[in-house]
Amino acid sequence: MENLRPNETAVDRLQASDILPITRIKEVFGAPIDDREIRAQNKDRFDNKCQRLSAIYQIFRLAEEGHLPIAQIRNYIPLDMQIPGYFVVMKAYRDAKLDTPVYSQTTFTGRHKGKEVYNLHLAHFSDEELHFGDITLQNVRIFLSRPEQERFRTPHPGLGSGIFDETLENLFRFARENGYKRISLSAVDMLRAETMAKRGFEFRPGPLLNSGLARGMSIPMVREL
């Protein structure tokens, strides 16, 4: 993206409609959606779950790449996983004797009656790496129409209509246009990992992958652009 200010990234200027087909989502959903965005750059604390998880993933990547001893990870990530904020991430970079990057994150979320219809989280890890922290697309009207005791017995219904794949194509285009070389993510389970593998993502080798596969969760993947 051209004409970025100092310490600004493409993620800082990102709009929800750059990635998410918002008009189509609202047409398919057919009910009011409360749209919100949460941005975080150079903040002391990340208050959003996706922001914290992306920060944690970045610290683990520093260790996995040999910049920090694995045994020291807990110096940065508390047991309750509730922090780390921007300054914790930057401390990890300084301890690794690396230049501190511009670090920014953006989350777009849309809710209906307090339930997420969509959620998209992206984090700028470096000029070469865009982190795809979360994507949720679900038809909560169908979910809410079910008897309460039935709601969690089957998966949340999606929005369909190719919205997921359109979102990914927009993501890939955004990343390429802004000079990123790769997109990383951490698949929540094997089912999601298989879904992303069909869309060009591969397992990212290293201790994090070994741990993720053994537990069947938090599985690091990457797509080169």
Foldseek 3Di string as FASTA:
>chain_A
DPDADPLDAPQNVDDPVLQFVVVVLCVLLVDDKDKDKDKDWPDQWDQDPLVLVVLLVLLVVCCFVPLDPPVCSCVLAPPVSRTDDPVSSQVSCVSSVHDRAGKMKMKMFIDDPRHTQWIWIWIPSHLAEIEGRDIDHANCVVLVVDPPVCNPVDDGHGSDPCRVVSSVVSVVVSCVVSRHFKYKYFAAFVVSVVVVVVVAKDFDDTPQQVVCVVVRGRTIIMHGD
